[in-house]
Amino acid sequence: MAPYDRRTGGSPRSPKAGETWWYAAVAAEAADSFSTRVRTRTRRACLGAILLLTLVYAGLVLTATGRRWGDAAVTGRRADTRVAALVRDHPSLAGAATLSLVLACVLLVGIGAVRKRYALTGAAAGAVAVSLAVTGLLQRYAPRPRPVDGVGALVPSGFPSATATLAFGVALALPLVVPRHSRALVTGAATLWAVLLGAYSIAAGDHRPGDVMAAALLALAVQCGLIALLARRGKVRPGARRGTALRGLPVTLPLALVATGGLVAGFLLLGDTLGLPATAPYDPDELRLAHRCGQALAAGVGAATGLALLALVRHVDLDGGPAAYRLGGPFVEDSGAPDQGELVGPFTENHDHEIS
């Protein structure tokens, strides 16, 4: 089937070519086909995100040092006067964060409905729902020591953060419904919004930095798994390789700066904040440093997930059509098909063929 795999420059399928529906599926299974390459790299990205999520869980939840660092990062928000003043002087930020989540969900569904991409919109909404479902399962059943409140009841786990999972899930699902020429701009802006929402949840004391990082990685894993499934079914095709990166540069450049600066600053500060004593009293400067370290790492990981997804689908058209193809070779030449004309099947008109 290799001579008939024309992944670029092909003409769209003709309505009369319905009997050749199987060709797109067969071509997508070729070892060097575009769909196979997309499926391979998104599947690897999915597994990589799951691995990083496991490392975050093992390091920040299962170990006493990680839990102590997370608690110090949350407690340090009071020692950071700027953060404490921002949260105290603007109580409406909590309501604005909730409203932005609702509007983001409406935007995701609305864009897909306006563009009449109903199947992809359902898939994107399903990916967000799966992310939230996995988050609920992890919060309820993932082994971890749970603190006890004043009346002796167990405090529910916040790993991963459901709020951050919803924010990053919507942001990373937007590439499925937005036009390709504005994908980087819209997805980058939505990722920056999700990063800010995660930073606010840490500053308000609702979640630890590890909860936000896990939410971003979980959303990335689910979204990469969905794109790999679409590629497996031959629903992806090559896109234009020029002109798309510059349109999203006003957003992707700040996103790259946040990812790089956050990860570098976070890892540099991490070594100075892991040596906290096991018991109180704590130095306020150390708590403030732990809070800033957690904010930097959470912002860096969140921004990196958005950049990773944009890089994975940079040259991929996710509008739902199979890879464009044009048949050629001795069979088509014998059938007398024109060079630029209606798409025909791979066999001659007299159907003198044999599959072995």
Protein backbone atom coordinates (compact mmCIF):
# COMPACT_ATOMS: atom_id res chain seq x y z
CA MET A 1 0.00 0.00 0.00
CA ALA A 2 3.02 2.30 0.25
CA PRO A 3 2.76 3.65 -3.35
CA TYR A 4 -0.79 4.81 -2.63
CA ASP A 5 0.04 6.69 0.61
CA ARG A 6 0.15 10.33 -0.50
CA ARG A 7 -0.05 12.20 2.80
CA THR A 8 0.49 15.71 1.48
CA GLY A 9 -0.82 17.53 -1.55
CA GLY A 10 -3.68 15.13 -2.11
CA SER A 11 -7.15 16.02 -3.22
CA PRO A 12 -10.15 15.59 -0.89
CA ARG A 13 -12.19 12.42 -1.08
CA SER A 14 -14.90 12.34 -3.66
CA PRO A 15 -18.45 11.53 -2.53
CA LYS A 16 -18.39 8.69 -5.04
CA ALA A 17 -15.40 7.14 -3.31
CA GLY A 18 -17.41 5.84 -0.39
CA GLU A 19 -16.54 2.26 -1.26
CA THR A 20 -12.84 3.08 -0.64
CA TRP A 21 -13.41 4.11 2.99
CA TRP A 22 -11.13 1.31 4.06
CA TYR A 23 -8.17 2.87 2.27
CA ALA A 24 -7.76 5.68 4.79
CA ALA A 25 -7.73 3.16 7.63
CA VAL A 26 -5.20 0.94 5.88
CA ALA A 27 -2.99 3.91 4.98
CA ALA A 28 -3.12 5.15 8.58
CA GLU A 29 -1.72 1.81 9.74
CA ALA A 30 1.35 2.01 7.52
CA ALA A 31 4.59 2.11 9.48
CA ASP A 32 5.60 5.49 8.06
CA SER A 33 2.16 7.06 7.78
CA PHE A 34 1.38 10.44 9.25
CA SER A 35 -1.28 9.03 11.58
CA THR A 36 1.13 6.46 12.93
CA ARG A 37 3.73 9.10 13.71
CA VAL A 38 1.18 11.28 15.48
CA ARG A 39 -0.14 8.31 17.44
CA THR A 40 3.35 7.25 18.48
CA ARG A 41 4.48 10.61 19.80
CA THR A 42 1.22 11.42 21.58
CA ARG A 43 1.16 7.99 23.18
CA ARG A 44 4.71 8.50 24.42
CA ALA A 45 3.78 11.94 25.72
CA CYS A 46 0.82 10.42 27.55
CA LEU A 47 3.03 7.82 29.21
CA GLY A 48 5.61 10.49 30.06
CA ALA A 49 2.97 12.67 31.71
CA ILE A 50 1.73 9.69 33.72
CA LEU A 51 5.29 8.94 34.81
CA LEU A 52 5.84 12.54 35.94
CA LEU A 53 2.50 12.48 37.75
CA THR A 54 3.61 9.34 39.57
CA LEU A 55 6.90 10.99 40.56
CA VAL A 56 5.05 14.04 41.90
CA TYR A 57 2.73 11.77 43.88
CA ALA A 58 5.57 9.69 45.26
CA GLY A 59 7.78 12.66 46.12
CA LEU A 60 5.26 15.16 47.49
CA VAL A 61 2.56 12.91 48.95
CA LEU A 62 4.10 9.63 50.08
CA THR A 63 7.27 11.03 51.64
CA ALA A 64 7.32 12.97 54.91
CA THR A 65 9.74 15.51 53.46
CA GLY A 66 7.45 16.21 50.50
CA ARG A 67 4.40 16.62 52.73
CA ARG A 68 6.31 18.94 55.04
CA TRP A 69 7.43 21.03 52.06
CA GLY A 70 3.88 21.25 50.74
CA ASP A 71 2.55 22.32 54.12
CA ALA A 72 5.29 24.93 54.40
CA ALA A 73 4.46 26.27 50.93
CA VAL A 74 0.81 26.72 51.94
CA THR A 75 1.66 28.17 55.36
CA GLY A 76 4.21 30.51 53.81
CA ARG A 77 1.48 32.44 52.02
CA ARG A 78 0.84 34.26 55.30
CA ALA A 79 4.51 35.12 55.65
CA ASP A 80 4.56 36.62 52.15
CA THR A 81 3.00 40.02 52.83
CA ARG A 82 2.28 40.80 49.16
CA VAL A 83 0.37 37.60 48.59
CA ALA A 84 -1.50 37.88 51.88
CA ALA A 85 -2.48 41.48 51.14
CA LEU A 86 -3.66 40.59 47.62
CA VAL A 87 -5.94 37.81 48.84
CA ARG A 88 -7.20 39.86 51.79
CA ASP A 89 -7.91 43.06 49.86
CA HIS A 90 -9.59 41.33 46.91
CA PRO A 91 -12.09 38.79 48.28
CA SER A 92 -13.96 38.89 44.98
CA LEU A 93 -11.15 36.93 43.33
CA ALA A 94 -12.69 33.66 44.54
CA GLY A 95 -15.96 34.40 42.80
CA ALA A 96 -14.15 35.59 39.68
CA ALA A 97 -12.18 32.33 39.55
CA THR A 98 -15.38 30.27 39.73
CA LEU A 99 -17.07 32.42 37.10
CA SER A 100 -14.07 32.09 34.78
CA LEU A 101 -14.27 28.31 35.02
CA VAL A 102 -17.91 28.35 34.02
CA LEU A 103 -17.24 30.72 31.12
CA ALA A 104 -14.31 28.58 29.96
CA CYS A 105 -16.52 25.50 29.77
CA VAL A 106 -19.16 27.45 27.87
CA LEU A 107 -16.47 28.77 25.52
CA LEU A 108 -15.19 25.28 24.79
CA VAL A 109 -18.62 23.95 23.90
CA GLY A 110 -19.67 27.16 22.14
CA ILE A 111 -16.70 27.26 19.78
CA GLY A 112 -17.25 23.65 18.78
CA ALA A 113 -20.95 24.22 18.23
CA VAL A 114 -20.43 27.36 16.14
CA ARG A 115 -17.86 25.57 13.98
CA LYS A 116 -20.15 22.52 13.76
CA ARG A 117 -17.46 20.20 15.08
CA TYR A 118 -19.90 18.23 17.14
CA ALA A 119 -17.93 15.00 17.40
CA LEU A 120 -14.72 16.77 18.37
CA THR A 121 -16.59 18.95 20.85
CA GLY A 122 -18.02 15.84 22.47
CA ALA A 123 -14.57 14.28 22.56
CA ALA A 124 -13.07 17.42 24.15
CA ALA A 125 -15.84 17.59 26.76
CA GLY A 126 -15.40 13.88 27.39
CA ALA A 127 -11.67 14.34 27.99
CA VAL A 128 -12.40 17.03 30.58
CA ALA A 129 -14.95 14.74 32.24
CA VAL A 130 -12.47 11.86 32.30
CA SER A 131 -9.84 14.11 33.88
CA LEU A 132 -12.27 15.14 36.61
CA ALA A 133 -13.33 11.53 37.17
CA VAL A 134 -9.72 10.37 37.55
CA THR A 135 -9.10 13.30 39.90
CA GLY A 136 -12.02 12.23 42.07
CA LEU A 137 -10.77 8.64 42.16
CA LEU A 138 -7.27 9.73 43.13
CA GLN A 139 -8.58 12.04 45.83
CA ARG A 140 -10.71 9.29 47.29
CA TYR A 141 -8.63 6.14 46.88
CA ALA A 142 -4.97 7.10 46.38
CA PRO A 143 -3.01 5.98 49.48
CA ARG A 144 -1.76 8.92 51.53
CA PRO A 145 -1.63 9.98 55.16
CA ARG A 146 -4.62 12.25 55.75
CA PRO A 147 -4.54 14.84 58.53
CA VAL A 148 -7.26 14.94 61.19
CA ASP A 149 -9.22 18.08 61.97
CA GLY A 150 -10.15 19.36 65.40
CA VAL A 151 -13.12 17.01 65.85
CA GLY A 152 -11.25 13.90 64.75
CA ALA A 153 -12.54 13.67 61.18
CA LEU A 154 -10.25 12.96 58.27
CA VAL A 155 -9.55 15.93 56.04
CA PRO A 156 -10.23 14.98 52.38
CA SER A 157 -7.28 14.81 50.06
CA GLY A 158 -6.65 17.63 47.61
CA PHE A 159 -4.35 15.68 45.28
CA PRO A 160 -4.86 16.48 42.45
CA SER A 161 -6.68 19.81 42.55
CA ALA A 162 -10.13 19.50 40.97
CA THR A 163 -10.21 23.23 40.17
CA ALA A 164 -6.84 23.12 38.42
CA THR A 165 -7.80 19.91 36.64
CA LEU A 166 -10.88 21.58 35.19
CA ALA A 167 -8.91 24.69 34.18
CA PHE A 168 -6.06 22.81 32.50
CA GLY A 169 -8.47 20.27 31.03
CA VAL A 170 -10.43 22.99 29.25
CA ALA A 171 -7.27 24.82 28.16
CA LEU A 172 -5.69 21.69 26.67
CA ALA A 173 -8.96 20.60 25.04
CA LEU A 174 -9.28 23.82 23.03
CA PRO A 175 -6.98 22.62 20.19
CA LEU A 176 -9.70 20.15 19.23
CA VAL A 177 -12.33 22.81 18.55
CA VAL A 178 -10.54 26.06 17.60
CA PRO A 179 -9.32 26.71 14.03
CA ARG A 180 -5.77 25.61 13.43
CA HIS A 181 -4.50 29.07 12.49
CA SER A 182 -5.54 30.42 15.92
CA ARG A 183 -4.79 27.29 17.95
CA ALA A 184 -1.54 28.53 19.49
CA LEU A 185 -3.02 31.92 20.38
CA VAL A 186 -6.16 30.55 22.03
CA THR A 187 -4.56 27.56 23.75
CA GLY A 188 -1.60 29.61 24.99
CA ALA A 189 -3.87 32.27 26.45
CA ALA A 190 -6.07 29.63 28.10
CA THR A 191 -2.99 27.92 29.57
CA LEU A 192 -1.80 31.21 31.05
CA TRP A 193 -5.26 31.64 32.58
CA ALA A 194 -5.07 28.12 34.06
CA VAL A 195 -1.62 28.90 35.50
CA LEU A 196 -2.97 32.06 37.16
CA LEU A 197 -5.93 30.12 38.54
CA GLY A 198 -3.58 27.52 40.02
CA ALA A 199 -1.40 30.25 41.53
CA TYR A 200 -4.45 31.80 43.18
CA SER A 201 -5.56 28.48 44.66
CA ILE A 202 -2.11 28.11 46.26
CA ALA A 203 -2.09 31.71 47.48
CA ALA A 204 -5.55 31.27 49.00
CA GLY A 205 -4.46 28.10 50.79
CA ASP A 206 -6.93 25.86 48.99
CA HIS A 207 -4.32 23.56 47.48
CA ARG A 208 -0.67 22.67 47.72
CA PRO A 209 1.73 23.18 44.81
CA GLY A 210 1.90 19.45 44.18
CA ASP A 211 -1.88 19.33 43.74
CA VAL A 212 -1.73 21.93 40.95
CA MET A 213 1.25 20.26 39.24
CA ALA A 214 -0.51 16.89 39.31
CA ALA A 215 -3.67 18.43 37.83
CA ALA A 216 -1.75 19.89 34.88
CA LEU A 217 0.04 16.60 34.20
CA LEU A 218 -3.19 14.62 34.46
CA ALA A 219 -4.95 16.90 31.96
CA LEU A 220 -2.00 16.56 29.57
CA ALA A 221 -2.01 12.76 29.84
CA VAL A 222 -5.73 12.50 29.11
CA GLN A 223 -5.55 14.91 26.19
CA CYS A 224 -2.56 13.13 24.62
CA GLY A 225 -4.37 9.83 25.01
CA LEU A 226 -7.40 11.27 23.20
CA ILE A 227 -5.30 12.58 20.30
CA ALA A 228 -3.55 9.21 20.06
CA LEU A 229 -6.98 7.56 19.80
CA LEU A 230 -8.03 10.00 17.06
CA ALA A 231 -4.82 9.23 15.18
CA ARG A 232 -5.45 5.52 15.61
CA ARG A 233 -8.79 5.97 13.85
CA GLY A 234 -7.23 8.03 11.07
CA LYS A 235 -8.90 11.31 12.11
CA VAL A 236 -5.78 13.46 11.77
CA ARG A 237 -4.08 14.87 8.73
CA PRO A 238 -1.06 17.05 7.99
CA GLY A 239 -1.44 20.80 8.31
CA ALA A 240 0.45 23.71 6.83
CA ARG A 241 3.96 24.06 8.16
CA ARG A 242 4.32 27.80 7.71
CA GLY A 243 2.68 30.86 9.14
CA THR A 244 1.07 29.30 12.23
CA ALA A 245 3.88 29.81 14.75
CA LEU A 246 4.10 33.58 14.27
CA ARG A 247 0.39 34.11 14.94
CA GLY A 248 0.65 32.61 18.41
CA LEU A 249 4.01 34.15 19.31
CA PRO A 250 2.50 36.96 21.47
CA VAL A 251 1.15 34.27 23.80
CA THR A 252 3.55 31.35 23.38
CA LEU A 253 6.60 33.51 24.11
CA PRO A 254 5.33 34.60 27.55
CA LEU A 255 4.22 31.02 28.15
CA ALA A 256 7.73 29.79 27.36
CA LEU A 257 9.22 32.41 29.69
CA VAL A 258 6.89 31.33 32.50
CA ALA A 259 7.74 27.66 31.95
CA THR A 260 11.49 28.21 31.81
CA GLY A 261 11.69 30.80 34.56
CA GLY A 262 9.33 28.91 36.85
CA LEU A 263 11.12 25.58 36.55
CA VAL A 264 14.60 27.07 36.88
CA ALA A 265 13.71 29.30 39.83
CA GLY A 266 11.69 26.54 41.49
CA PHE A 267 14.47 23.95 41.32
CA LEU A 268 17.04 26.50 42.51
CA LEU A 269 14.91 27.34 45.55
CA LEU A 270 13.90 23.74 46.18
CA GLY A 271 17.27 22.81 47.64
CA ASP A 272 17.01 25.59 50.22
CA THR A 273 13.48 24.70 51.30
CA LEU A 274 13.63 20.93 51.68
CA GLY A 275 15.70 21.18 54.85
CA LEU A 276 12.84 22.41 57.03
CA PRO A 277 12.80 21.08 60.60
CA ALA A 278 10.35 18.33 61.39
CA THR A 279 8.66 20.33 64.14
CA ALA A 280 7.80 23.96 64.82
CA PRO A 281 8.87 26.72 65.26
CA TYR A 282 9.67 27.57 61.65
CA ASP A 283 11.56 30.54 60.35
CA PRO A 284 9.12 32.90 58.51
CA ASP A 285 11.76 33.53 55.86
CA GLU A 286 11.97 29.81 55.14
CA LEU A 287 8.19 29.56 54.90
CA ARG A 288 8.07 32.52 52.54
CA LEU A 289 10.79 30.93 50.41
CA ALA A 290 8.90 27.62 50.33
CA HIS A 291 5.75 29.39 49.17
CA ARG A 292 7.57 31.17 46.36
CA CYS A 293 9.30 27.94 45.37
CA GLY A 294 5.96 26.13 45.18
CA GLN A 295 4.41 28.92 43.14
CA ALA A 296 7.31 28.88 40.70
CA LEU A 297 7.25 25.10 40.24
CA ALA A 298 3.47 24.98 39.80
CA ALA A 299 3.55 27.79 37.24
CA GLY A 300 6.47 26.23 35.38
CA VAL A 301 4.89 22.78 35.16
CA GLY A 302 1.53 24.20 34.11
CA ALA A 303 3.02 26.36 31.37
CA ALA A 304 5.21 23.48 30.19
CA THR A 305 2.17 21.22 29.70
CA GLY A 306 0.56 23.77 27.39
CA LEU A 307 3.75 24.18 25.38
CA ALA A 308 4.18 20.40 25.16
CA LEU A 309 0.70 19.90 23.72
CA LEU A 310 1.13 22.75 21.23
CA ALA A 311 4.43 21.21 20.10
CA LEU A 312 2.82 17.80 19.67
CA VAL A 313 0.02 19.10 17.43
CA ARG A 314 1.93 21.89 15.72
CA HIS A 315 1.68 20.39 12.22
CA VAL A 316 -1.44 18.31 12.87
CA ASP A 317 -4.90 19.16 11.58
CA LEU A 318 -7.45 17.90 14.12
CA ASP A 319 -10.58 18.90 12.23
CA GLY A 320 -11.69 15.30 11.99
CA GLY A 321 -10.97 14.43 8.34
CA PRO A 322 -8.66 11.58 7.39
CA ALA A 323 -5.28 12.24 5.89
CA ALA A 324 -5.59 13.56 2.35
CA TYR A 325 -4.35 11.05 -0.17
CA ARG A 326 -4.00 10.67 -3.90
CA LEU A 327 -3.72 7.30 -5.52
CA GLY A 328 -1.05 6.55 -8.05
CA GLY A 329 0.93 3.72 -9.49
CA PRO A 330 0.36 1.14 -12.24
CA PHE A 331 -3.19 0.22 -11.15
CA VAL A 332 -4.49 3.77 -11.46
CA GLU A 333 -2.56 4.37 -14.67
CA ASP A 334 -4.11 1.25 -16.21
CA SER A 335 -7.57 2.43 -15.21
CA GLY A 336 -7.12 5.58 -17.25
CA ALA A 337 -7.72 7.96 -14.33
CA PRO A 338 -6.70 11.58 -15.02
CA ASP A 339 -3.80 13.14 -13.17
CA GLN A 340 -5.93 15.91 -11.60
CA GLY A 341 -9.42 14.64 -11.24
CA GLU A 342 -11.86 12.71 -9.20
CA LEU A 343 -10.46 10.35 -6.61
CA VAL A 344 -10.72 6.72 -7.60
CA GLY A 345 -10.01 3.42 -5.96
CA PRO A 346 -6.69 1.58 -6.07
CA PHE A 347 -7.98 -1.06 -8.50
CA THR A 348 -8.74 -0.94 -12.21
CA GLU A 349 -12.22 -0.35 -13.53
CA ASN A 350 -12.66 -3.95 -14.58
CA HIS A 351 -12.01 -5.00 -10.95
CA ASP A 352 -9.35 -7.43 -12.08
CA HIS A 353 -7.55 -7.62 -8.78
CA GLU A 354 -6.60 -10.05 -6.08
CA ILE A 355 -5.83 -9.58 -2.39
CA SER A 356 -3.29 -12.01 -1.06
